[in-house]
Amino acid sequence: MFDIAFSELVIVAIVALIVIGPEKLPKVARTLGALTGRIQRYMTQIKEEVNRESRFAELQQLQQEIQEAASSAQSSLQNQVNNLADVAEVGSQTVTQGQDASMTAVESVSDQEQSKPQN
């Protein structure tokens, strides 16, 4: 993260020893260590929150895509059902017309047989 060499840390430690004094230096070091730990935990929490929000946005986008695909599939199926219903209706009308024609033909043949003279 920071580009600090060991020699630079030694210089900072010597200056801190001179400025703070040997009695207060351990307490200051503990305090700085605790603050550093808090900062690291805080940064970790921020990273986790950003990742969580990113995943949430991806999941929302995926949910939107799935809903669009489901809607498209539903409309396609509805169109197919409507087409099949139309075909069934046309087939039913054709069967009805065929039955009517058959009945007419049977009646015609029956009438012809009845009108024939019997031997």
Protein backbone atom coordinates (compact mmCIF):
# COMPACT_ATOMS: atom_id res chain seq x y z
CA MET A 1 0.00 0.00 0.00
CA PHE A 2 2.58 2.56 1.09
CA ASP A 3 6.10 2.43 -0.22
CA ILE A 4 8.00 2.82 3.06
CA ALA A 5 11.39 1.17 3.49
CA PHE A 6 12.66 -0.32 6.75
CA SER A 7 15.27 2.43 7.10
CA GLU A 8 12.53 5.06 6.93
CA LEU A 9 10.60 3.27 9.68
CA VAL A 10 13.72 3.26 11.88
CA ILE A 11 14.13 7.00 11.38
CA VAL A 12 10.45 7.59 12.29
CA ALA A 13 10.85 5.42 15.41
CA ILE A 14 13.97 7.34 16.55
CA VAL A 15 12.25 10.69 16.02
CA ALA A 16 9.17 9.44 17.90
CA LEU A 17 11.37 8.25 20.78
CA ILE A 18 13.02 11.64 21.02
CA VAL A 19 9.80 13.69 20.65
CA ILE A 20 7.42 11.55 22.74
CA GLY A 21 9.87 10.16 25.23
CA PRO A 22 10.54 6.62 26.37
CA GLU A 23 7.75 6.58 29.00
CA LYS A 24 4.86 7.48 26.69
CA LEU A 25 6.11 5.68 23.55
CA PRO A 26 4.55 2.23 24.34
CA LYS A 27 1.16 3.81 25.06
CA VAL A 28 1.30 5.86 21.85
CA ALA A 29 2.35 2.76 19.87
CA ARG A 30 -0.62 0.77 21.29
CA THR A 31 -2.98 3.62 20.45
CA LEU A 32 -1.62 3.89 16.90
CA GLY A 33 -1.92 0.10 16.49
CA ALA A 34 -5.54 0.17 17.68
CA LEU A 35 -6.37 3.05 15.32
CA THR A 36 -4.69 1.24 12.43
CA GLY A 37 -6.75 -1.89 13.20
CA ARG A 38 -9.98 0.15 13.27
CA ILE A 39 -9.12 1.78 9.97
CA GLN A 40 -8.43 -1.62 8.39
CA ARG A 41 -11.73 -3.04 9.68
CA TYR A 42 -13.56 0.04 8.43
CA MET A 43 -11.98 -0.30 4.98
CA THR A 44 -12.90 -4.01 4.91
CA GLN A 45 -16.51 -3.17 5.77
CA ILE A 46 -16.62 -0.57 3.01
CA LYS A 47 -15.24 -3.07 0.48
CA GLU A 48 -17.81 -5.67 1.55
CA GLU A 49 -20.62 -3.14 1.25
CA VAL A 50 -19.50 -2.11 -2.22
CA ASN A 51 -19.29 -5.77 -3.29
CA ARG A 52 -22.72 -6.46 -1.80
CA GLU A 53 -24.24 -3.52 -3.68
CA SER A 54 -22.56 -4.64 -6.89
CA ARG A 55 -23.95 -8.18 -6.51
CA PHE A 56 -27.37 -6.77 -5.69
CA ALA A 57 -27.33 -4.65 -8.87
CA GLU A 58 -26.29 -7.70 -10.91
CA LEU A 59 -29.09 -9.77 -9.36
CA GLN A 60 -31.64 -7.06 -10.12
CA GLN A 61 -30.47 -6.96 -13.73
CA LEU A 62 -30.68 -10.76 -13.94
CA GLN A 63 -34.18 -10.67 -12.45
CA GLN A 64 -35.22 -8.07 -15.04
CA GLU A 65 -33.85 -10.24 -17.87
CA ILE A 66 -35.64 -13.33 -16.54
CA GLN A 67 -38.92 -11.43 -16.25
CA GLU A 68 -38.56 -10.18 -19.82
CA ALA A 69 -37.79 -13.70 -21.07
CA ALA A 70 -40.78 -15.11 -19.16
CA SER A 71 -43.04 -12.41 -20.57
CA SER A 72 -41.80 -13.11 -24.08
CA ALA A 73 -42.31 -16.85 -23.65
CA GLN A 74 -45.80 -16.27 -22.26
CA SER A 75 -46.83 -14.08 -25.19
CA SER A 76 -45.36 -16.60 -27.65
CA LEU A 77 -47.27 -19.44 -26.01
CA GLN A 78 -50.47 -17.37 -26.02
CA ASN A 79 -50.03 -16.71 -29.74
CA GLN A 80 -49.52 -20.44 -30.37
CA VAL A 81 -52.62 -21.29 -28.33
CA ASN A 82 -54.63 -18.72 -30.28
CA ASN A 83 -53.35 -20.14 -33.57
CA LEU A 84 -54.26 -23.68 -32.51
CA ALA A 85 -57.71 -22.51 -31.44
CA ASP A 86 -58.20 -20.91 -34.86
CA VAL A 87 -57.06 -24.11 -36.61
CA ALA A 88 -59.39 -26.19 -34.41
CA GLU A 89 -62.30 -23.89 -35.22
CA VAL A 90 -61.61 -24.13 -38.96
CA GLY A 91 -61.30 -27.92 -38.63
CA SER A 92 -64.59 -28.08 -36.73
CA GLN A 93 -66.32 -26.01 -39.40
CA THR A 94 -64.88 -28.27 -42.10
CA VAL A 95 -66.07 -31.40 -40.28
CA THR A 96 -69.53 -29.86 -39.84
CA GLN A 97 -69.68 -28.99 -43.54
CA GLY A 98 -68.52 -32.50 -44.42
CA GLN A 99 -71.20 -34.01 -42.20
CA ASP A 100 -73.83 -31.76 -43.76
CA ALA A 101 -72.68 -32.77 -47.25
CA SER A 102 -72.72 -36.45 -46.25
CA MET A 103 -76.22 -36.13 -44.84
CA THR A 104 -77.36 -34.40 -48.02
CA ALA A 105 -75.81 -37.14 -50.14
CA VAL A 106 -77.39 -39.87 -48.02
CA GLU A 107 -80.77 -38.18 -48.24
CA SER A 108 -80.34 -37.78 -51.98
CA VAL A 109 -79.49 -41.47 -52.42
CA SER A 110 -82.35 -42.44 -50.14
CA ASP A 111 -84.74 -40.27 -52.13
CA GLN A 112 -83.51 -41.81 -55.38
CA GLU A 113 -84.00 -45.32 -54.08
CA GLN A 114 -87.47 -44.51 -52.89
CA SER A 115 -88.41 -42.96 -56.20
CA LYS A 116 -87.31 -46.03 -58.21
CA PRO A 117 -90.11 -48.27 -59.25
CA GLN A 118 -90.07 -51.54 -57.50
CA ASN A 119 -90.06 -54.71 -59.59
